[in-house]
Amino acid sequence: MGVKDLPAHSSRGVPSVCHATNRVAALAWIGLGPGRARRVWIGSALAATGALTVVGLLSATGVIGRLVIG
């Protein structure tokens, strides 16, 4: 199945944002090709996701506020 074979609409006939996102991700994945570029891209995506998760958890628990305000 290629990128162009992915359905553009949900089962209700409404354009699906998720499908459009999947198409872009598939094109990016194919464009990176095998090897180092793909590994760097995955590593940076995982690092960013991890960093934002930690910041979000620290913010939700109030730790960041206490550190900044003192």
C-alpha atoms as a PDB file:
ATOM      1  CA  MET A   1       0.000   0.000   0.000  1.00  0.00           C
ATOM      2  CA  GLY A   2       1.451   3.344  -1.013  1.00  0.00           C
ATOM      3  CA  VAL A   3       0.836   6.758   0.470  1.00  0.00           C
ATOM      4  CA  LYS A   4      -1.664   7.653  -2.247  1.00  0.00           C
ATOM      5  CA  ASP A   5      -3.693   4.522  -1.399  1.00  0.00           C
ATOM      6  CA  LEU A   6      -4.519   5.776   2.090  1.00  0.00           C
ATOM      7  CA  PRO A   7      -8.137   6.930   2.409  1.00  0.00           C
ATOM      8  CA  ALA A   8      -8.591  10.689   2.471  1.00  0.00           C
ATOM      9  CA  HIS A   9     -11.848  10.571   4.417  1.00  0.00           C
ATOM     10  CA  SER A  10     -13.115   8.882   7.520  1.00  0.00           C
ATOM     11  CA  SER A  11     -15.857   6.259   7.331  1.00  0.00           C
ATOM     12  CA  ARG A  12     -18.421   9.069   7.607  1.00  0.00           C
ATOM     13  CA  GLY A  13     -17.109  10.891   4.546  1.00  0.00           C
ATOM     14  CA  VAL A  14     -15.571  13.695   6.595  1.00  0.00           C
ATOM     15  CA  PRO A  15     -11.969  14.676   5.788  1.00  0.00           C
ATOM     16  CA  SER A  16      -9.720  13.130   8.393  1.00  0.00           C
ATOM     17  CA  VAL A  17      -6.859  15.128   9.896  1.00  0.00           C
ATOM     18  CA  CYS A  18      -5.309  11.887  11.105  1.00  0.00           C
ATOM     19  CA  HIS A  19      -5.102  10.503   7.576  1.00  0.00           C
ATOM     20  CA  ALA A  20      -3.494  13.702   6.305  1.00  0.00           C
ATOM     21  CA  THR A  21      -0.969  13.536   9.141  1.00  0.00           C
ATOM     22  CA  ASN A  22      -0.255   9.897   8.333  1.00  0.00           C
ATOM     23  CA  ARG A  23       0.391  10.816   4.712  1.00  0.00           C
ATOM     24  CA  VAL A  24       2.888  13.508   5.678  1.00  0.00           C
ATOM     25  CA  ALA A  25       4.618  11.165   8.125  1.00  0.00           C
ATOM     26  CA  ALA A  26       4.811   8.434   5.497  1.00  0.00           C
ATOM     27  CA  LEU A  27       6.331  10.835   2.969  1.00  0.00           C
ATOM     28  CA  ALA A  28       8.857  12.045   5.537  1.00  0.00           C
ATOM     29  CA  TRP A  29       9.730   8.456   6.478  1.00  0.00           C
ATOM     30  CA  ILE A  30      10.252   7.473   2.831  1.00  0.00           C
ATOM     31  CA  GLY A  31      12.183  10.668   2.101  1.00  0.00           C
ATOM     32  CA  LEU A  32      14.659  10.019   4.899  1.00  0.00           C
ATOM     33  CA  GLY A  33      15.690   6.721   3.394  1.00  0.00           C
ATOM     34  CA  PRO A  34      17.565   4.087   5.347  1.00  0.00           C
ATOM     35  CA  GLY A  35      20.518   4.802   7.543  1.00  0.00           C
ATOM     36  CA  ARG A  36      21.847   7.612   9.678  1.00  0.00           C
ATOM     37  CA  ALA A  37      19.369  10.354   8.739  1.00  0.00           C
ATOM     38  CA  ARG A  38      16.427   8.228   9.826  1.00  0.00           C
ATOM     39  CA  ARG A  39      18.095   7.304  13.130  1.00  0.00           C
ATOM     40  CA  VAL A  40      18.912  10.960  13.883  1.00  0.00           C
ATOM     41  CA  TRP A  41      15.331  11.966  13.075  1.00  0.00           C
ATOM     42  CA  ILE A  42      13.881   9.261  15.335  1.00  0.00           C
ATOM     43  CA  GLY A  43      16.338  10.101  18.117  1.00  0.00           C
ATOM     44  CA  SER A  44      15.511  13.796  18.035  1.00  0.00           C
ATOM     45  CA  ALA A  45      11.763  13.068  17.971  1.00  0.00           C
ATOM     46  CA  LEU A  46      12.060  10.752  20.980  1.00  0.00           C
ATOM     47  CA  ALA A  47      14.253  13.232  22.863  1.00  0.00           C
ATOM     48  CA  ALA A  48      11.809  16.091  22.224  1.00  0.00           C
ATOM     49  CA  THR A  49       8.847  13.957  23.282  1.00  0.00           C
ATOM     50  CA  GLY A  50      10.635  12.906  26.447  1.00  0.00           C
ATOM     51  CA  ALA A  51      11.707  16.443  27.323  1.00  0.00           C
ATOM     52  CA  LEU A  52       8.214  17.847  26.815  1.00  0.00           C
ATOM     53  CA  THR A  53       6.699  15.023  28.856  1.00  0.00           C
ATOM     54  CA  VAL A  54       9.048  15.727  31.761  1.00  0.00           C
ATOM     55  CA  VAL A  55       8.370  19.470  31.612  1.00  0.00           C
ATOM     56  CA  GLY A  56       4.627  18.811  31.500  1.00  0.00           C
ATOM     57  CA  LEU A  57       4.735  16.476  34.489  1.00  0.00           C
ATOM     58  CA  LEU A  58       6.892  18.867  36.501  1.00  0.00           C
ATOM     59  CA  SER A  59       4.569  21.729  35.619  1.00  0.00           C
ATOM     60  CA  ALA A  60       1.445  19.750  36.518  1.00  0.00           C
ATOM     61  CA  THR A  61       2.854  18.824  39.915  1.00  0.00           C
ATOM     62  CA  GLY A  62       3.993  22.387  40.614  1.00  0.00           C
ATOM     63  CA  VAL A  63       7.705  21.591  40.836  1.00  0.00           C
ATOM     64  CA  ILE A  64       8.654  24.014  38.063  1.00  0.00           C
ATOM     65  CA  GLY A  65       6.642  26.825  39.659  1.00  0.00           C
ATOM     66  CA  ARG A  66       8.406  26.358  42.982  1.00  0.00           C
ATOM     67  CA  LEU A  67      11.820  26.310  41.350  1.00  0.00           C
ATOM     68  CA  VAL A  68      11.197  29.433  39.266  1.00  0.00           C
ATOM     69  CA  ILE A  69       9.458  31.471  41.959  1.00  0.00           C
ATOM     70  CA  GLY A  70      11.587  30.162  44.782  1.00  0.00           C
END
